[in-house]
Amino acid sequence: MPHAARVITVSDRSAAGLREDRGGPLAVSLLRESGFECEDAIIVPDGADSVEAALRAAVAAGPGLVVTTGGTGVAPRDRTPEGTSRVLDRELPGIAEELRRRGLSDTPLSVISRGLVGVVDPGSLVVNLPGSTRAVASGIAMIAEIAPHVLDQLAGGDHA
């Protein structure tokens, strides 16, 4: 049975209808191609409170992968990591570090992404990706490889 995935785009401009969301639909498409069941992306405005509320709703919908796009930088309203940290039970810093390292092949600015990765017990993996389509594409490529193992482990599976 395929794993479930949810995508949350974090952007004031996209939430207000001022800019097309390209990162969220790209993430959804790539996740579906990788075998995940994934509904269309939802869009929420920047800010820790809106991110926290969207993540809590996504996790409450059932175990699976939850990917956010956007809000991981240093702009005044980029608060995705702050909202995410309120929801995570355990961080997986190695994954976040690897996402930033792989992003260096696209741009030296990948190192300023403050995105977090972690788990919400009992069975969700949460990943913050930057909002750029390049970051989404490279991030989903990596996450699609490791998320099934993490989700199986959270469900009580044995080490492969």
C-alpha atoms as a PDB file:
ATOM      1  CA  MET A   1       0.000   0.000   0.000  1.00  0.00           C
ATOM      2  CA  PRO A   2       1.466   3.394  -0.920  1.00  0.00           C
ATOM      3  CA  HIS A   3       2.365   5.911   1.746  1.00  0.00           C
ATOM      4  CA  ALA A   4       0.335   9.104   2.069  1.00  0.00           C
ATOM      5  CA  ALA A   5       1.922  12.511   1.544  1.00  0.00           C
ATOM      6  CA  ARG A   6       0.693  16.055   2.016  1.00  0.00           C
ATOM      7  CA  VAL A   7       2.183  19.293   0.701  1.00  0.00           C
ATOM      8  CA  ILE A   8       1.810  22.716   2.305  1.00  0.00           C
ATOM      9  CA  THR A   9       2.980  25.822   0.465  1.00  0.00           C
ATOM     10  CA  VAL A  10       3.897  28.665   2.810  1.00  0.00           C
ATOM     11  CA  SER A  11       3.660  32.035   1.062  1.00  0.00           C
ATOM     12  CA  ASP A  12       1.907  35.316   1.825  1.00  0.00           C
ATOM     13  CA  ARG A  13       1.734  36.217  -1.875  1.00  0.00           C
ATOM     14  CA  SER A  14       0.413  32.848  -3.036  1.00  0.00           C
ATOM     15  CA  ALA A  15      -2.108  32.736  -0.179  1.00  0.00           C
ATOM     16  CA  ALA A  16      -3.364  36.174  -1.256  1.00  0.00           C
ATOM     17  CA  GLY A  17      -3.599  35.120  -4.912  1.00  0.00           C
ATOM     18  CA  LEU A  18      -0.847  37.524  -5.968  1.00  0.00           C
ATOM     19  CA  ARG A  19       1.606  34.866  -7.153  1.00  0.00           C
ATOM     20  CA  GLU A  20       1.097  31.430  -8.653  1.00  0.00           C
ATOM     21  CA  ASP A  21       2.240  28.577  -6.440  1.00  0.00           C
ATOM     22  CA  ARG A  22       4.722  26.579  -8.503  1.00  0.00           C
ATOM     23  CA  GLY A  23       6.620  24.760  -5.740  1.00  0.00           C
ATOM     24  CA  GLY A  24       3.620  23.039  -4.164  1.00  0.00           C
ATOM     25  CA  PRO A  25       2.217  21.541  -7.374  1.00  0.00           C
ATOM     26  CA  LEU A  26       5.717  20.439  -8.400  1.00  0.00           C
ATOM     27  CA  ALA A  27       6.198  18.662  -5.056  1.00  0.00           C
ATOM     28  CA  VAL A  28       2.810  16.953  -5.416  1.00  0.00           C
ATOM     29  CA  SER A  29       3.624  15.790  -8.945  1.00  0.00           C
ATOM     30  CA  LEU A  30       7.036  14.433  -7.970  1.00  0.00           C
ATOM     31  CA  LEU A  31       5.652  12.654  -4.921  1.00  0.00           C
ATOM     32  CA  ARG A  32       2.917  11.025  -6.999  1.00  0.00           C
ATOM     33  CA  GLU A  33       5.514   9.923  -9.567  1.00  0.00           C
ATOM     34  CA  SER A  34       7.468   8.372  -6.691  1.00  0.00           C
ATOM     35  CA  GLY A  35       4.476   6.283  -5.615  1.00  0.00           C
ATOM     36  CA  PHE A  36       3.004   8.399  -2.825  1.00  0.00           C
ATOM     37  CA  GLU A  37      -0.704   9.097  -2.560  1.00  0.00           C
ATOM     38  CA  CYS A  38      -0.823  12.882  -2.453  1.00  0.00           C
ATOM     39  CA  GLU A  39      -3.683  15.358  -2.590  1.00  0.00           C
ATOM     40  CA  ASP A  40      -3.193  18.775  -4.144  1.00  0.00           C
ATOM     41  CA  ALA A  41      -1.089  21.230  -2.162  1.00  0.00           C
ATOM     42  CA  ILE A  42      -2.695  23.635   0.265  1.00  0.00           C
ATOM     43  CA  ILE A  43      -1.447  27.206   0.623  1.00  0.00           C
ATOM     44  CA  VAL A  44      -1.081  29.067   3.907  1.00  0.00           C
ATOM     45  CA  PRO A  45       0.393  32.497   4.631  1.00  0.00           C
ATOM     46  CA  ASP A  46       3.855  32.907   6.111  1.00  0.00           C
ATOM     47  CA  GLY A  47       4.195  32.891   9.874  1.00  0.00           C
ATOM     48  CA  ALA A  48       4.786  30.392  12.643  1.00  0.00           C
ATOM     49  CA  ASP A  49       1.134  30.221  13.713  1.00  0.00           C
ATOM     50  CA  SER A  50      -0.236  29.403  10.255  1.00  0.00           C
ATOM     51  CA  VAL A  51       2.486  26.802   9.676  1.00  0.00           C
ATOM     52  CA  GLU A  52       1.856  25.167  13.035  1.00  0.00           C
ATOM     53  CA  ALA A  53      -1.904  24.997  12.416  1.00  0.00           C
ATOM     54  CA  ALA A  54      -1.469  23.546   8.913  1.00  0.00           C
ATOM     55  CA  LEU A  55       1.029  20.946  10.130  1.00  0.00           C
ATOM     56  CA  ARG A  56      -1.194  19.892  13.026  1.00  0.00           C
ATOM     57  CA  ALA A  57      -4.127  19.455  10.623  1.00  0.00           C
ATOM     58  CA  ALA A  58      -2.000  17.454   8.174  1.00  0.00           C
ATOM     59  CA  VAL A  59      -0.661  15.167  10.892  1.00  0.00           C
ATOM     60  CA  ALA A  60      -4.159  14.697  12.340  1.00  0.00           C
ATOM     61  CA  ALA A  61      -5.306  13.425   8.929  1.00  0.00           C
ATOM     62  CA  GLY A  62      -3.151  10.338   9.467  1.00  0.00           C
ATOM     63  CA  PRO A  63       0.412   9.091   9.343  1.00  0.00           C
ATOM     64  CA  GLY A  64       2.560   9.926   6.373  1.00  0.00           C
ATOM     65  CA  LEU A  65       4.953  12.397   4.842  1.00  0.00           C
ATOM     66  CA  VAL A  66       4.259  16.122   5.194  1.00  0.00           C
ATOM     67  CA  VAL A  67       6.333  18.486   3.062  1.00  0.00           C
ATOM     68  CA  THR A  68       6.296  22.261   3.380  1.00  0.00           C
ATOM     69  CA  THR A  69       7.663  24.558   0.682  1.00  0.00           C
ATOM     70  CA  GLY A  70       8.679  28.120   1.465  1.00  0.00           C
ATOM     71  CA  GLY A  71       9.327  30.269   4.486  1.00  0.00           C
ATOM     72  CA  THR A  72      12.691  28.751   5.394  1.00  0.00           C
ATOM     73  CA  GLY A  73      14.890  31.772   4.673  1.00  0.00           C
ATOM     74  CA  VAL A  74      15.752  34.877   6.634  1.00  0.00           C
ATOM     75  CA  ALA A  75      13.083  37.333   5.449  1.00  0.00           C
ATOM     76  CA  PRO A  76      11.093  38.885   8.304  1.00  0.00           C
ATOM     77  CA  ARG A  77       8.027  36.650   7.753  1.00  0.00           C
ATOM     78  CA  ASP A  78       9.987  33.428   7.051  1.00  0.00           C
ATOM     79  CA  ARG A  79       8.893  31.490  10.127  1.00  0.00           C
ATOM     80  CA  THR A  80       8.279  27.987   8.789  1.00  0.00           C
ATOM     81  CA  PRO A  81      10.983  26.429  11.019  1.00  0.00           C
ATOM     82  CA  GLU A  82       9.560  28.144  14.099  1.00  0.00           C
ATOM     83  CA  GLY A  83       6.067  26.787  13.400  1.00  0.00           C
ATOM     84  CA  THR A  84       7.469  23.369  12.576  1.00  0.00           C
ATOM     85  CA  SER A  85       9.506  23.138  15.778  1.00  0.00           C
ATOM     86  CA  ARG A  86       6.293  23.515  17.790  1.00  0.00           C
ATOM     87  CA  VAL A  87       4.935  20.336  16.179  1.00  0.00           C
ATOM     88  CA  LEU A  88       7.946  18.014  15.946  1.00  0.00           C
ATOM     89  CA  ASP A  89       8.537  15.380  18.606  1.00  0.00           C
ATOM     90  CA  ARG A  90      12.053  14.511  17.367  1.00  0.00           C
ATOM     91  CA  GLU A  91      14.274  16.278  14.864  1.00  0.00           C
ATOM     92  CA  LEU A  92      16.301  14.489  12.192  1.00  0.00           C
ATOM     93  CA  PRO A  93      19.064  17.052  11.634  1.00  0.00           C
ATOM     94  CA  GLY A  94      21.110  14.819   9.347  1.00  0.00           C
ATOM     95  CA  ILE A  95      18.382  14.910   6.703  1.00  0.00           C
ATOM     96  CA  ALA A  96      18.051  18.701   6.884  1.00  0.00           C
ATOM     97  CA  GLU A  97      21.828  19.061   6.615  1.00  0.00           C
ATOM     98  CA  GLU A  98      21.942  16.752   3.583  1.00  0.00           C
ATOM     99  CA  LEU A  99      19.164  18.711   1.875  1.00  0.00           C
ATOM    100  CA  ARG A 100      21.211  21.902   2.297  1.00  0.00           C
ATOM    101  CA  ARG A 101      24.405  20.170   1.119  1.00  0.00           C
ATOM    102  CA  ARG A 102      22.748  18.814  -2.014  1.00  0.00           C
ATOM    103  CA  GLY A 103      21.268  22.229  -2.691  1.00  0.00           C
ATOM    104  CA  LEU A 104      24.760  23.659  -3.057  1.00  0.00           C
ATOM    105  CA  SER A 105      24.919  22.187  -6.560  1.00  0.00           C
ATOM    106  CA  ASP A 106      22.074  24.560  -7.490  1.00  0.00           C
ATOM    107  CA  THR A 107      22.977  27.663  -5.499  1.00  0.00           C
ATOM    108  CA  PRO A 108      25.376  28.751  -2.751  1.00  0.00           C
ATOM    109  CA  LEU A 109      22.331  30.267  -1.023  1.00  0.00           C
ATOM    110  CA  SER A 110      21.129  26.799   0.022  1.00  0.00           C
ATOM    111  CA  VAL A 111      23.130  27.199   3.232  1.00  0.00           C
ATOM    112  CA  ILE A 112      20.808  29.953   4.476  1.00  0.00           C
ATOM    113  CA  SER A 113      17.788  27.650   4.432  1.00  0.00           C
ATOM    114  CA  ARG A 114      16.724  27.060   8.024  1.00  0.00           C
ATOM    115  CA  GLY A 115      14.445  24.142   7.157  1.00  0.00           C
ATOM    116  CA  LEU A 116      13.868  21.413   9.718  1.00  0.00           C
ATOM    117  CA  VAL A 117      13.126  17.719   9.329  1.00  0.00           C
ATOM    118  CA  GLY A 118      11.678  15.525  12.022  1.00  0.00           C
ATOM    119  CA  VAL A 119       8.988  13.163  13.148  1.00  0.00           C
ATOM    120  CA  VAL A 120       5.666  13.668  14.828  1.00  0.00           C
ATOM    121  CA  ASP A 121       4.697  10.619  16.824  1.00  0.00           C
ATOM    122  CA  PRO A 122       3.240   8.223  16.179  1.00  0.00           C
ATOM    123  CA  GLY A 123       3.905   8.134  12.443  1.00  0.00           C
ATOM    124  CA  SER A 124       4.542  11.309  10.451  1.00  0.00           C
ATOM    125  CA  LEU A 125       7.699  12.628   8.818  1.00  0.00           C
ATOM    126  CA  VAL A 126       7.781  16.421   8.363  1.00  0.00           C
ATOM    127  CA  VAL A 127      10.187  18.057   5.915  1.00  0.00           C
ATOM    128  CA  ASN A 128      10.677  21.804   5.341  1.00  0.00           C
ATOM    129  CA  LEU A 129      11.898  22.663   1.838  1.00  0.00           C
ATOM    130  CA  PRO A 130      12.651  26.112   0.432  1.00  0.00           C
ATOM    131  CA  GLY A 131      10.079  27.500  -1.976  1.00  0.00           C
ATOM    132  CA  SER A 132      12.168  27.564  -5.163  1.00  0.00           C
ATOM    133  CA  THR A 133      11.292  24.947  -7.752  1.00  0.00           C
ATOM    134  CA  ARG A 134      14.942  23.851  -7.938  1.00  0.00           C
ATOM    135  CA  ALA A 135      15.034  23.247  -4.192  1.00  0.00           C
ATOM    136  CA  VAL A 136      11.721  21.397  -4.336  1.00  0.00           C
ATOM    137  CA  ALA A 137      12.889  19.156  -7.186  1.00  0.00           C
ATOM    138  CA  SER A 138      16.194  18.218  -5.579  1.00  0.00           C
ATOM    139  CA  GLY A 139      14.641  17.904  -2.116  1.00  0.00           C
ATOM    140  CA  ILE A 140      11.791  15.650  -3.194  1.00  0.00           C
ATOM    141  CA  ALA A 141      14.237  13.434  -5.099  1.00  0.00           C
ATOM    142  CA  MET A 142      16.094  12.752  -1.857  1.00  0.00           C
ATOM    143  CA  ILE A 143      13.064  12.583   0.422  1.00  0.00           C
ATOM    144  CA  ALA A 144      11.236  10.145  -1.873  1.00  0.00           C
ATOM    145  CA  GLU A 145      14.147   7.733  -1.407  1.00  0.00           C
ATOM    146  CA  ILE A 146      14.295   7.811   2.388  1.00  0.00           C
ATOM    147  CA  ALA A 147      10.732   8.608   3.489  1.00  0.00           C
ATOM    148  CA  PRO A 148       9.345   5.083   2.940  1.00  0.00           C
ATOM    149  CA  HIS A 149      12.021   3.640   5.242  1.00  0.00           C
ATOM    150  CA  VAL A 150      11.422   6.301   7.902  1.00  0.00           C
ATOM    151  CA  LEU A 151       7.654   5.814   7.735  1.00  0.00           C
ATOM    152  CA  ASP A 152       8.025   2.032   7.946  1.00  0.00           C
ATOM    153  CA  GLN A 153      10.273   2.459  10.999  1.00  0.00           C
ATOM    154  CA  LEU A 154       7.731   4.768  12.644  1.00  0.00           C
ATOM    155  CA  ALA A 155       5.073   2.117  12.041  1.00  0.00           C
ATOM    156  CA  GLY A 156       7.201  -0.421  13.939  1.00  0.00           C
ATOM    157  CA  GLY A 157       8.979  -2.031  11.006  1.00  0.00           C
ATOM    158  CA  ASP A 158      12.305  -3.776  11.448  1.00  0.00           C
ATOM    159  CA  HIS A 159      15.582  -2.266  10.235  1.00  0.00           C
ATOM    160  CA  ALA A 160      16.254  -3.117   6.600  1.00  0.00           C
END
